[in-house]
Every structure is written in C-alpha cells, then in structure tokens.
Amino acid sequence: MKKKKILALLIMSLVISSSFSCSSNNPLSGDLKYLFSPRKSFNITAEDLKKVNDSKLVEANNSFGTKLFLNIAKEDLKKNVFISPASASIALQMAYNGADEKTKEEMSKALEIDKFSLEELNSLNKILSSKLSNPASDITLNVANSLWADDKRVEINDKFKKDLETFYDATAQSLDFSTPKTADIINKWCEDKTFGKIKDIVDPKDFKPISPTDDSVILAYLMNAIYFKADWNVKFKKENTQPRDFTLSDGSKIKKDFMSNFTGFSYYNNTERYENGKIVKEENSFEVARLDYGKESKISLYMFLPSTDSSLEKFYDKLTSETIDNAIKNMYSGEGQISFPKFKMKEKYDLIPQLQKQGMNLVFDKDASDLSKLGKVKIKGFDKIFVSKVNQNVFVDVNEEGSEAAVVTSIEVSTAASAQPEVKTIRFVADRPFFYIIRDNETKSNLFMGSMTNPEYK
C-alpha cells in the first residue's frame, strides 16, 4: 500500500464576558458581585441527547465552524491553523440572545440557526453543553461561560441575564471598567478556566475613564472558555519517536519528530472507487485515521491526509462538514502502523473579517446594529450597542501521552456616540500537510479544528 497520511484535529472552545463600569476604586462594584448565580447541576437523559441529535443543531454548528476554518486557512495556506468552532458558536449564540430585528435575522442566517426559535436554540444548547462537559472519568472537557459588565455604563436586560444563567450556565460580575485592574480579574478567569493555557485576553489599556473625546465606549464582555485534556487510548512510546522527513507544501523537506505506533485504529480512504466493474482512481483523494482518547473512546482525533498527488489547497476546495461526516461514517477498523509529528502551537484570531465573509455585518456596525435585547446604555450621548471585537485565543499540544487544547472566545460589546467492518493492515504516515479535528463522538460536535503545515514542538 502506498504511504498515506492523514491527521484531523478539531478543537473548539468558547469564552464570553461582559463588564460594567463602577464608581468605586475597587474594580468590583463593592464585594464580588454576581449578577446571577451559577447554574445548578443538570442531568442529561437519553431522550435529551436524542432531542439534540434530531434537531440538527450540531450539524448547523459544524457547518458554520467548517466555513469559519476555511476562511482563515485559505488566507495563508502555509500557516498552521487551529480554532474551536464549538467555542465560536457558543459565544456568538449567547450574543445572539441580545439581538433583534434585522441584526437578529442576519446573525441567525450566518450562524446557520435560522430554523430554530430562540427558545428552542437555548434549550438545545443547555443539553449540548452539559453533555460535552466531562464525557468520561479519564477525559477532562470543561465548558465555561461568563458575562462581565459595568453597571454604571449599561443596564443589562433581566431576560438576557436570566437566559444566559439558565441555558448557558453563565456567571456574571459587575466591574469597574474605568480602571486597568479590571483586566486582571477577567484575565484571571480565562487563565483559571483553561488551566493556565490562555492568558491576557483583554488589554488593561482598554479599561479607562470615559473621555469627552471618546467616540465609542466598552460596555461588556461575553466569554466562553473550553479546556480539553486526555491521554490516548493507547499511548505512544517515547523511544519510538524519531526524526523523519516532513514534506512542506512547496515540496521542500524538513526533519521533525514523528511519533509511531503499531496498533488498532479506524481508517478510511477514497483513493479508489468501482465504476462499471472497474477500479477508478479518484482525483484529489485523501485518507482519514482516527485515534481515540480514554478507555471509552468518547472523544477522538481525526486526521485527514490529502494524497501525494493532491494538496491541502485542493482538499479545502471540496471540504464541507458533510465531507467530514461521510468520511467518518465510512471508516473501518484495522491494525497497522500510524505515524505523525508531535506538535504544539498558540494563536490568536480576529474573527470579525471571517464572520463578515459569512454574512454577519450589522452586529459590527455601530450605526445599524440592534442589540437592544442585551441592555440599555446609561451614558449620556451614547445609545447604540454593537460588537466591537470577536477574538479567539487557542492552544494545542499533541504528544506521545495524549493531547491538551484550550480556547477562549471573547466578544467585546461597545456603544457608539449617537448618530462495522473488515480488518485490514494499514500504514498511515502523516509526513506532509494535513487537516485534523478533535470530535466528541456521541454528539458529533467538532470541538477543535486545525491544519498542520509545518509541525513545531517547543
């Protein structure tokens, strides 16, 4: 069998936070002030899970997330990319609760949730987030949401606060946005929820007193954070890690440390098909390999490797969420050698340009945005509420023991001045650029998604 390589890893994470300014010297309005209490425990039944699966919400989120990934990846095909579609979906759907009229309609189409009522969407997200959290005793997967707001600058709508508490398990604090110390509180939350992997989400320089010359003022932050860590079902032996050639997209070769194992794993390739009784070679074909985490295999890494006569660029031209689902559905069990480079990376993305490409514009327009269901501005001379930033900070580490990934998606809210299977022996060597995802197998949610074009492990 020809050497084939595929790696698919998807990581999704989300953080949402909102802040409100206070007159006190303490960044907090008095003592630690919760706008609402943490959500109670929520047990998921088989009927609940069926409700989510039948609703097609996961399919909608995965479709939105795949398009978001492609918009980023195609900007520079030589660059490693890693995002969390899940985190972006959760954070933006929280913000969606504050939208109305044309802004709400446009966001629903861009997020591909226009078939759901707001009540149905929130109810499904409550089930989905609860199901994703801690899927097995030997897998850590935590999802956290928060709202930070300055109650001297904005009066958050009671229903908006209650819905974030009830359906998104979000906690909120009232903070003083006029002091840089507030940034430390928000950043500490992000750092704690990602076990130290994501830091410095907000800039202390952005927290300052309102000036008469300001044409916009920050009101709040919505944040979602996701943290994942798990060992492989079968770990790689460190003594088997050896340097070997990795072929870059331009054809040049570099030496990288490859992990190797001879083990059972699921596999798929679409290199050949039968047509009129003959074997026909597919153009731009690819292979997929699956490696499981934990004893129960609730979450897996899927690696998608374009054939040697293809490329990531050609693979992306036909990549959709349906392509991913169909490949995974047709995987079969086998035993053989699997080898791919260990890698680690950190990155920060400004998602607004990509979201605009997907049809989301009004919510970022300080004149046209309608986030009236989020709250009411309390600053004289300011009335419109709009989203001024959507950032995603990510981290991933894939090594012999397993994988660790974290993400924080932060949304800055501002105001502007008025105006079953046969067993085969397989050889899978990912020694060229590949696409990867980390997926929850029960809900089929793509938690994280990435492309590895030049492996680094530092």
Protein backbone atom coordinates (compact mmCIF):
# COMPACT_ATOMS: atom_id res chain seq x y z
CA MET A 1 0.00 0.00 0.00
CA LYS A 2 1.28 3.45 -0.80
CA LYS A 3 2.22 5.61 2.13
CA LYS A 4 -0.81 7.67 3.09
CA LYS A 5 -1.11 10.27 5.75
CA ILE A 6 -3.99 11.95 7.38
CA LEU A 7 -4.47 13.86 10.51
CA ALA A 8 -7.65 15.54 11.58
CA LEU A 9 -7.90 17.56 14.75
CA LEU A 10 -10.65 19.90 15.69
CA ILE A 11 -10.74 21.97 18.75
CA MET A 12 -13.41 24.18 19.77
CA SER A 13 -13.53 26.43 22.76
CA LEU A 14 -15.51 29.40 23.85
CA VAL A 15 -15.33 32.28 26.36
CA ILE A 16 -17.86 35.06 26.81
CA SER A 17 -17.53 38.01 29.22
CA SER A 18 -19.20 41.35 29.86
CA SER A 19 -18.15 44.24 32.07
CA PHE A 20 -19.88 47.30 33.54
CA SER A 21 -18.09 50.36 34.99
CA CYS A 22 -18.37 51.35 38.65
CA SER A 23 -17.51 54.47 40.61
CA SER A 24 -15.68 52.59 43.37
CA ASN A 25 -11.88 52.38 43.42
CA ASN A 26 -12.32 48.63 43.66
CA PRO A 27 -12.74 47.09 40.19
CA LEU A 28 -15.68 45.15 41.63
CA SER A 29 -18.85 47.03 42.50
CA GLY A 30 -18.48 46.55 46.24
CA ASP A 31 -17.81 42.91 47.05
CA LEU A 32 -17.62 40.22 44.40
CA LYS A 33 -20.99 40.87 42.82
CA TYR A 34 -22.71 38.14 40.83
CA LEU A 35 -25.42 39.35 38.52
CA PHE A 36 -26.78 35.84 38.77
CA SER A 37 -25.79 32.63 40.48
CA PRO A 38 -24.02 29.64 38.89
CA ARG A 39 -26.29 27.06 37.25
CA LYS A 40 -27.37 24.01 39.18
CA SER A 41 -26.29 20.55 38.04
CA PHE A 42 -28.20 19.22 35.04
CA ASN A 43 -28.52 15.51 34.30
CA ILE A 44 -28.73 14.50 30.64
CA THR A 45 -31.05 11.67 29.65
CA ALA A 46 -31.02 9.53 26.50
CA GLU A 47 -34.17 11.40 25.47
CA ASP A 48 -32.36 14.73 25.84
CA LEU A 49 -29.49 13.53 23.64
CA LYS A 50 -31.93 12.26 21.02
CA LYS A 51 -33.61 15.66 21.04
CA VAL A 52 -30.28 17.35 20.24
CA ASN A 53 -29.38 14.82 17.54
CA ASP A 54 -32.80 15.08 15.89
CA SER A 55 -32.69 18.88 15.93
CA LYS A 56 -29.62 19.09 13.66
CA LEU A 57 -28.09 21.84 15.84
CA VAL A 58 -24.71 20.06 15.88
CA GLU A 59 -24.80 19.81 12.08
CA ALA A 60 -25.54 23.54 11.88
CA ASN A 61 -22.68 24.37 14.26
CA ASN A 62 -20.27 22.09 12.39
CA SER A 63 -21.22 23.60 9.03
CA PHE A 64 -20.72 27.14 10.36
CA GLY A 65 -17.43 26.13 12.01
CA THR A 66 -16.02 24.43 8.91
CA LYS A 67 -16.69 27.55 6.81
CA LEU A 68 -15.08 29.71 9.50
CA PHE A 69 -11.99 27.46 9.50
CA LEU A 70 -11.73 27.54 5.70
CA ASN A 71 -11.96 31.34 5.61
CA ILE A 72 -8.99 31.52 7.99
CA ALA A 73 -6.94 28.69 6.47
CA LYS A 74 -7.22 29.96 2.90
CA GLU A 75 -5.73 33.34 3.84
CA ASP A 76 -2.31 31.71 4.17
CA LEU A 77 -2.06 28.05 3.13
CA LYS A 78 1.47 27.77 4.54
CA LYS A 79 0.43 28.71 8.05
CA ASN A 80 -0.64 26.31 10.80
CA VAL A 81 -4.24 26.97 11.85
CA PHE A 82 -6.13 25.87 14.94
CA ILE A 83 -9.58 27.09 16.02
CA SER A 84 -12.55 25.97 18.08
CA PRO A 85 -15.76 26.02 16.02
CA ALA A 86 -17.69 24.97 19.13
CA SER A 87 -16.46 27.88 21.19
CA ALA A 88 -17.20 30.39 18.45
CA SER A 89 -20.73 29.01 18.05
CA ILE A 90 -21.49 29.13 21.77
CA ALA A 91 -20.17 32.64 22.28
CA LEU A 92 -21.93 34.09 19.25
CA GLN A 93 -25.18 32.32 20.11
CA MET A 94 -25.01 33.91 23.54
CA ALA A 95 -24.65 37.33 21.90
CA TYR A 96 -27.49 36.38 19.54
CA ASN A 97 -29.79 36.40 22.59
CA GLY A 98 -29.32 40.18 22.71
CA ALA A 99 -30.07 40.81 19.03
CA ASP A 100 -33.35 41.98 17.49
CA GLU A 101 -34.93 42.77 14.13
CA LYS A 102 -32.57 42.72 11.10
CA THR A 103 -29.46 42.12 13.23
CA LYS A 104 -31.06 39.00 14.71
CA GLU A 105 -32.17 37.78 11.27
CA GLU A 106 -28.72 38.28 9.75
CA MET A 107 -26.91 36.60 12.67
CA SER A 108 -29.24 33.59 12.55
CA LYS A 109 -28.51 33.03 8.85
CA ALA A 110 -24.73 33.47 9.25
CA LEU A 111 -24.68 31.09 12.24
CA GLU A 112 -27.00 28.71 10.30
CA ILE A 113 -29.50 28.59 13.17
CA ASP A 114 -32.40 30.31 11.39
CA LYS A 115 -34.55 27.16 11.58
CA PHE A 116 -34.61 27.36 15.40
CA SER A 117 -36.67 29.62 17.61
CA LEU A 118 -34.61 31.38 20.29
CA GLU A 119 -36.28 29.31 23.00
CA GLU A 120 -35.51 26.05 21.16
CA LEU A 121 -31.91 27.10 20.48
CA ASN A 122 -31.25 27.93 24.13
CA SER A 123 -32.86 24.72 25.35
CA LEU A 124 -30.76 22.62 22.97
CA ASN A 125 -27.56 24.45 23.95
CA LYS A 126 -28.24 23.69 27.60
CA ILE A 127 -28.36 19.97 26.81
CA LEU A 128 -25.40 20.06 24.43
CA SER A 129 -23.06 21.98 26.75
CA SER A 130 -23.94 19.74 29.68
CA LYS A 131 -23.35 16.63 27.56
CA LEU A 132 -19.97 17.85 26.35
CA SER A 133 -18.67 18.62 29.83
CA ASN A 134 -16.67 15.75 31.40
CA PRO A 135 -17.69 12.96 28.99
CA ALA A 136 -15.66 10.28 30.84
CA SER A 137 -13.72 9.89 34.07
CA ASP A 138 -10.38 9.81 32.22
CA ILE A 139 -11.13 12.78 29.93
CA THR A 140 -11.19 16.41 31.04
CA LEU A 141 -13.51 18.61 28.98
CA ASN A 142 -14.75 21.77 30.65
CA VAL A 143 -17.03 24.42 29.12
CA ALA A 144 -17.47 27.77 30.91
CA ASN A 145 -19.31 30.99 30.04
CA SER A 146 -19.26 34.40 31.66
CA LEU A 147 -20.60 37.94 31.38
CA TRP A 148 -18.68 40.99 32.61
CA ALA A 149 -20.37 44.39 32.56
CA ASP A 150 -20.10 47.86 34.04
CA ASP A 151 -23.49 48.69 35.56
CA LYS A 152 -22.61 52.39 35.52
CA ARG A 153 -22.43 52.23 31.73
CA VAL A 154 -25.14 49.72 30.78
CA GLU A 155 -28.25 48.22 32.29
CA ILE A 156 -28.28 44.56 31.26
CA ASN A 157 -31.73 43.27 30.31
CA ASP A 158 -33.14 40.94 33.01
CA LYS A 159 -34.26 38.33 30.47
CA PHE A 160 -30.86 38.35 28.77
CA LYS A 161 -29.14 37.73 32.12
CA LYS A 162 -31.60 35.04 33.16
CA ASP A 163 -31.34 33.17 29.85
CA LEU A 164 -27.52 33.15 29.99
CA GLU A 165 -27.72 31.77 33.51
CA THR A 166 -30.38 29.17 32.78
CA PHE A 167 -29.27 27.87 29.39
CA TYR A 168 -25.53 28.63 29.22
CA ASP A 169 -24.52 28.16 32.87
CA ALA A 170 -23.02 31.65 32.67
CA THR A 171 -21.93 33.66 35.68
CA ALA A 172 -21.62 37.44 35.61
CA GLN A 173 -19.89 40.13 37.58
CA SER A 174 -20.31 43.87 37.70
CA LEU A 175 -16.91 45.52 37.32
CA ASP A 176 -15.47 49.00 37.09
CA PHE A 177 -14.30 49.45 33.51
CA SER A 178 -12.55 52.71 34.34
CA THR A 179 -9.55 51.02 35.99
CA PRO A 180 -6.89 48.77 34.37
CA LYS A 181 -7.11 46.43 37.38
CA THR A 182 -10.38 45.10 35.97
CA ALA A 183 -8.43 43.44 33.15
CA ASP A 184 -6.60 41.34 35.76
CA ILE A 185 -9.92 39.93 37.04
CA ILE A 186 -11.19 38.97 33.60
CA ASN A 187 -7.84 37.56 32.50
CA LYS A 188 -7.60 35.54 35.72
CA TRP A 189 -10.98 33.95 34.95
CA CYS A 190 -9.76 32.97 31.47
CA GLU A 191 -6.50 31.61 32.86
CA ASP A 192 -8.27 29.58 35.55
CA LYS A 193 -10.84 28.08 33.16
CA THR A 194 -8.09 26.98 30.73
CA PHE A 195 -5.68 25.75 33.42
CA GLY A 196 -3.14 28.45 32.63
CA LYS A 197 -3.02 27.84 28.87
CA ILE A 198 -4.85 31.02 27.75
CA LYS A 199 -3.78 34.32 29.30
CA ASP A 200 -4.08 38.07 28.66
CA ILE A 201 -7.35 38.06 26.74
CA VAL A 202 -8.19 41.69 27.42
CA ASP A 203 -5.78 44.66 27.43
CA PRO A 204 -5.52 46.76 30.63
CA LYS A 205 -5.15 49.87 28.43
CA ASP A 206 -8.77 49.41 27.29
CA PHE A 207 -10.08 49.95 30.83
CA LYS A 208 -10.05 53.68 31.49
CA PRO A 209 -12.37 56.53 32.47
CA ILE A 210 -14.72 57.85 29.80
CA SER A 211 -13.35 60.88 27.98
CA PRO A 212 -15.40 63.62 26.26
CA THR A 213 -13.46 62.83 23.08
CA ASP A 214 -14.41 59.11 23.05
CA ASP A 215 -16.49 58.10 20.04
CA SER A 216 -17.06 54.59 21.48
CA VAL A 217 -17.03 53.10 24.98
CA ILE A 218 -16.73 49.46 26.08
CA LEU A 219 -19.81 48.23 27.96
CA ALA A 220 -19.36 44.49 28.47
CA TYR A 221 -17.63 41.25 27.52
CA LEU A 222 -19.22 37.90 26.71
CA MET A 223 -16.84 34.96 27.02
CA ASN A 224 -16.72 31.24 26.51
CA ALA A 225 -13.82 29.00 27.51
CA ILE A 226 -13.24 25.35 26.65
CA TYR A 227 -10.47 23.18 28.08
CA PHE A 228 -9.66 19.62 26.94
CA LYS A 229 -7.05 17.16 28.13
CA ALA A 230 -6.86 13.38 27.71
CA ASP A 231 -4.41 10.53 27.19
CA TRP A 232 -4.52 8.33 24.12
CA ASN A 233 -6.41 5.06 24.42
CA VAL A 234 -3.05 3.51 23.51
CA LYS A 235 -0.11 5.78 24.27
CA PHE A 236 2.91 6.19 22.01
CA LYS A 237 6.24 5.03 23.38
CA LYS A 238 8.67 7.92 23.57
CA GLU A 239 11.55 5.72 22.47
CA ASN A 240 9.72 5.22 19.16
CA THR A 241 9.69 8.96 18.45
CA GLN A 242 12.29 9.57 15.75
CA PRO A 243 13.14 12.40 13.35
CA ARG A 244 11.97 11.89 9.79
CA ASP A 245 11.17 13.99 6.75
CA PHE A 246 8.04 16.14 6.65
CA THR A 247 7.26 17.49 3.17
CA LEU A 248 6.13 21.12 3.16
CA SER A 249 3.57 22.49 0.72
CA ASP A 250 6.34 23.84 -1.55
CA GLY A 251 7.91 20.38 -1.85
CA SER A 252 10.90 21.03 0.41
CA LYS A 253 11.60 18.66 3.30
CA ILE A 254 12.37 19.32 6.97
CA LYS A 255 13.22 16.96 9.81
CA LYS A 256 10.54 16.66 12.53
CA ASP A 257 9.99 14.31 15.46
CA PHE A 258 7.44 11.66 14.45
CA MET A 259 5.53 9.53 16.94
CA SER A 260 4.92 5.96 15.79
CA ASN A 261 2.80 3.07 16.95
CA PHE A 262 1.60 -0.31 15.71
CA THR A 263 -1.94 -0.55 16.98
CA GLY A 264 -5.58 -0.89 16.09
CA PHE A 265 -7.29 2.21 14.72
CA SER A 266 -10.10 3.23 12.39
CA TYR A 267 -9.26 4.19 8.82
CA TYR A 268 -10.82 5.41 5.58
CA ASN A 269 -9.58 6.36 2.15
CA ASN A 270 -11.34 7.46 -1.00
CA THR A 271 -8.42 6.88 -3.35
CA GLU A 272 -10.32 4.35 -5.48
CA ARG A 273 -13.92 3.58 -6.42
CA TYR A 274 -15.66 0.98 -8.53
CA GLU A 275 -17.31 2.16 -11.74
CA ASN A 276 -18.76 -0.17 -14.37
CA GLY A 277 -16.88 -3.08 -12.85
CA LYS A 278 -13.54 -1.28 -12.94
CA ILE A 279 -11.41 0.37 -10.28
CA VAL A 280 -11.16 4.10 -10.94
CA LYS A 281 -8.62 6.29 -9.17
CA GLU A 282 -10.18 9.34 -7.52
CA GLU A 283 -8.66 12.76 -8.15
CA ASN A 284 -7.69 14.83 -5.10
CA SER A 285 -8.24 11.84 -2.83
CA PHE A 286 -7.49 11.67 0.88
CA GLU A 287 -7.15 9.29 3.81
CA VAL A 288 -8.51 9.53 7.34
CA ALA A 289 -7.21 7.96 10.55
CA ARG A 290 -8.88 8.03 13.96
CA LEU A 291 -7.11 7.85 17.30
CA ASP A 292 -9.20 7.61 20.46
CA TYR A 293 -8.79 9.29 23.84
CA GLY A 294 -9.52 7.48 27.10
CA LYS A 295 -10.74 3.96 27.75
CA GLU A 296 -14.28 4.63 26.49
CA SER A 297 -13.21 6.42 23.27
CA LYS A 298 -15.77 9.19 23.78
CA ILE A 299 -13.56 11.76 22.02
CA SER A 300 -11.20 11.17 19.11
CA LEU A 301 -8.61 12.84 16.93
CA TYR A 302 -9.38 12.53 13.22
CA MET A 303 -6.55 13.16 10.76
CA PHE A 304 -7.32 13.94 7.12
CA LEU A 305 -4.35 13.48 4.81
CA PRO A 306 -4.51 14.51 1.12
CA SER A 307 -2.90 12.03 -1.27
CA THR A 308 0.61 12.68 -2.57
CA ASP A 309 -0.76 13.94 -5.91
CA SER A 310 -3.09 16.38 -4.16
CA SER A 311 -2.65 19.15 -1.56
CA LEU A 312 -4.39 20.86 1.34
CA GLU A 313 -5.46 23.61 -1.06
CA LYS A 314 -7.25 21.14 -3.33
CA PHE A 315 -8.64 19.30 -0.31
CA TYR A 316 -10.08 22.55 1.04
CA ASP A 317 -11.85 23.27 -2.26
CA LYS A 318 -14.16 20.31 -1.61
CA LEU A 319 -14.16 20.35 2.20
CA THR A 320 -17.56 20.69 3.88
CA SER A 321 -18.98 19.45 7.15
CA GLU A 322 -20.74 16.75 5.08
CA THR A 323 -17.35 15.63 3.66
CA ILE A 324 -16.12 15.12 7.22
CA ASP A 325 -19.26 13.29 8.35
CA ASN A 326 -19.32 10.97 5.32
CA ALA A 327 -15.66 10.03 5.71
CA ILE A 328 -16.10 9.29 9.43
CA LYS A 329 -19.26 7.28 8.74
CA ASN A 330 -17.37 5.02 6.30
CA MET A 331 -14.32 4.29 8.44
CA TYR A 332 -13.41 0.68 9.18
CA SER A 333 -11.32 -0.98 11.87
CA GLY A 334 -7.82 -2.20 11.18
CA GLU A 335 -4.38 -2.73 12.61
CA GLY A 336 -1.13 -1.30 11.43
CA GLN A 337 1.43 1.47 11.71
CA ILE A 338 0.37 5.02 12.41
CA SER A 339 2.95 7.80 12.42
CA PHE A 340 2.64 11.57 12.59
CA PRO A 341 4.59 14.53 14.03
CA LYS A 342 4.08 15.81 17.55
CA PHE A 343 3.16 19.49 17.59
CA LYS A 344 2.29 22.41 19.84
CA MET A 345 1.01 25.88 18.99
CA LYS A 346 -0.64 29.03 20.32
CA GLU A 347 -2.50 31.59 18.23
CA LYS A 348 -4.95 34.49 18.42
CA TYR A 349 -7.52 35.26 15.73
CA ASP A 350 -9.65 38.32 14.97
CA LEU A 351 -12.83 36.62 13.75
CA ILE A 352 -14.76 39.67 12.57
CA PRO A 353 -13.37 39.69 8.97
CA GLN A 354 -14.18 35.98 8.61
CA LEU A 355 -17.67 36.39 10.08
CA GLN A 356 -18.33 39.23 7.65
CA LYS A 357 -17.44 36.89 4.79
CA GLN A 358 -20.13 34.56 6.11
CA GLY A 359 -22.76 37.29 6.00
CA MET A 360 -22.62 38.74 9.53
CA ASN A 361 -22.26 42.52 9.23
CA LEU A 362 -24.96 44.50 11.02
CA VAL A 363 -23.94 43.49 14.55
CA PHE A 364 -20.49 45.08 13.96
CA ASP A 365 -21.95 48.30 12.53
CA LYS A 366 -22.14 50.97 15.26
CA ASP A 367 -24.95 52.73 13.40
CA ALA A 368 -27.04 49.77 12.21
CA SER A 369 -26.58 47.19 14.99
CA ASP A 370 -29.63 46.26 17.08
CA LEU A 371 -28.61 44.62 20.36
CA SER A 372 -31.49 46.21 22.25
CA LYS A 373 -32.39 42.91 23.94
CA LEU A 374 -28.96 42.83 25.60
CA GLY A 375 -29.49 46.02 27.55
CA LYS A 376 -29.76 49.79 27.64
CA VAL A 377 -26.88 52.29 27.55
CA LYS A 378 -26.72 54.58 30.61
CA ILE A 379 -24.09 57.01 29.29
CA LYS A 380 -25.38 60.41 28.16
CA GLY A 381 -24.83 60.97 24.44
CA PHE A 382 -24.49 57.23 23.65
CA ASP A 383 -27.27 54.86 22.66
CA LYS A 384 -26.39 52.20 20.08
CA ILE A 385 -24.88 48.88 21.26
CA PHE A 386 -22.65 46.93 18.86
CA VAL A 387 -19.97 44.22 18.88
CA SER A 388 -16.53 45.81 18.55
CA LYS A 389 -14.34 42.70 18.81
CA VAL A 390 -14.64 38.93 18.40
CA ASN A 391 -11.33 37.28 19.26
CA GLN A 392 -10.36 33.65 19.71
CA ASN A 393 -7.21 32.58 21.57
CA VAL A 394 -6.22 28.93 21.20
CA PHE A 395 -3.65 26.43 22.44
CA VAL A 396 -2.96 22.83 21.40
CA ASP A 397 -0.33 20.24 22.40
CA VAL A 398 -0.27 16.79 20.76
CA ASN A 399 2.41 14.41 22.07
CA GLU A 400 3.13 10.78 23.00
CA GLU A 401 0.91 10.85 26.10
CA GLY A 402 -2.17 12.42 24.55
CA SER A 403 -3.49 15.90 23.75
CA GLU A 404 -4.30 19.15 25.51
CA ALA A 405 -6.26 22.01 23.97
CA ALA A 406 -7.81 25.24 25.20
CA VAL A 407 -9.75 28.12 23.72
CA VAL A 408 -11.29 31.39 24.81
CA THR A 409 -13.69 33.22 22.52
CA SER A 410 -14.27 36.78 23.70
CA ILE A 411 -16.90 39.19 22.41
CA GLU A 412 -16.39 42.86 23.24
CA VAL A 413 -19.64 44.83 23.39
CA SER A 414 -19.42 48.61 22.97
CA THR A 415 -21.56 51.67 22.41
CA ALA A 416 -21.02 54.49 19.95
CA ALA A 417 -21.94 58.14 20.17
CA SER A 418 -25.44 58.73 18.80
CA ALA A 419 -25.67 59.26 15.23
CA GLN A 420 -18.65 -2.49 11.02
CA PRO A 421 -16.09 -3.75 9.19
CA GLU A 422 -13.39 -5.81 7.66
CA VAL A 423 -9.98 -5.76 9.32
CA LYS A 424 -7.05 -4.68 7.18
CA THR A 425 -3.41 -3.96 7.79
CA ILE A 426 -2.90 -0.24 7.40
CA ARG A 427 0.09 2.06 7.09
CA PHE A 428 -0.70 5.69 7.86
CA VAL A 429 2.16 8.18 7.87
CA ALA A 430 1.28 11.88 8.05
CA ASP A 431 4.53 13.26 6.64
CA ARG A 432 3.02 16.15 4.71
CA PRO A 433 0.45 18.89 5.49
CA PHE A 434 -2.79 17.56 6.94
CA PHE A 435 -6.15 18.69 8.32
CA TYR A 436 -7.34 17.49 11.74
CA ILE A 437 -10.25 17.68 14.14
CA ILE A 438 -10.98 16.74 17.74
CA ARG A 439 -14.56 15.48 17.92
CA ASP A 440 -16.98 14.38 20.59
CA ASN A 441 -18.23 11.07 19.20
CA GLU A 442 -21.59 10.96 20.98
CA THR A 443 -22.83 14.39 19.92
CA LYS A 444 -20.61 14.54 16.80
CA SER A 445 -19.54 18.05 17.79
CA ASN A 446 -16.30 19.28 16.24
CA LEU A 447 -14.62 20.72 19.32
CA PHE A 448 -11.39 21.80 17.65
CA MET A 449 -10.21 22.00 14.05
CA GLY A 450 -6.82 22.67 12.55
CA SER A 451 -4.28 22.24 9.80
CA MET A 452 -0.65 21.32 10.33
CA THR A 453 1.58 22.56 7.51
CA ASN A 454 4.87 22.89 9.42
CA PRO A 455 4.98 20.96 12.73
CA GLU A 456 6.65 22.68 15.68
CA TYR A 457 7.03 21.40 19.21
CA LYS A 458 8.57 23.96 21.53
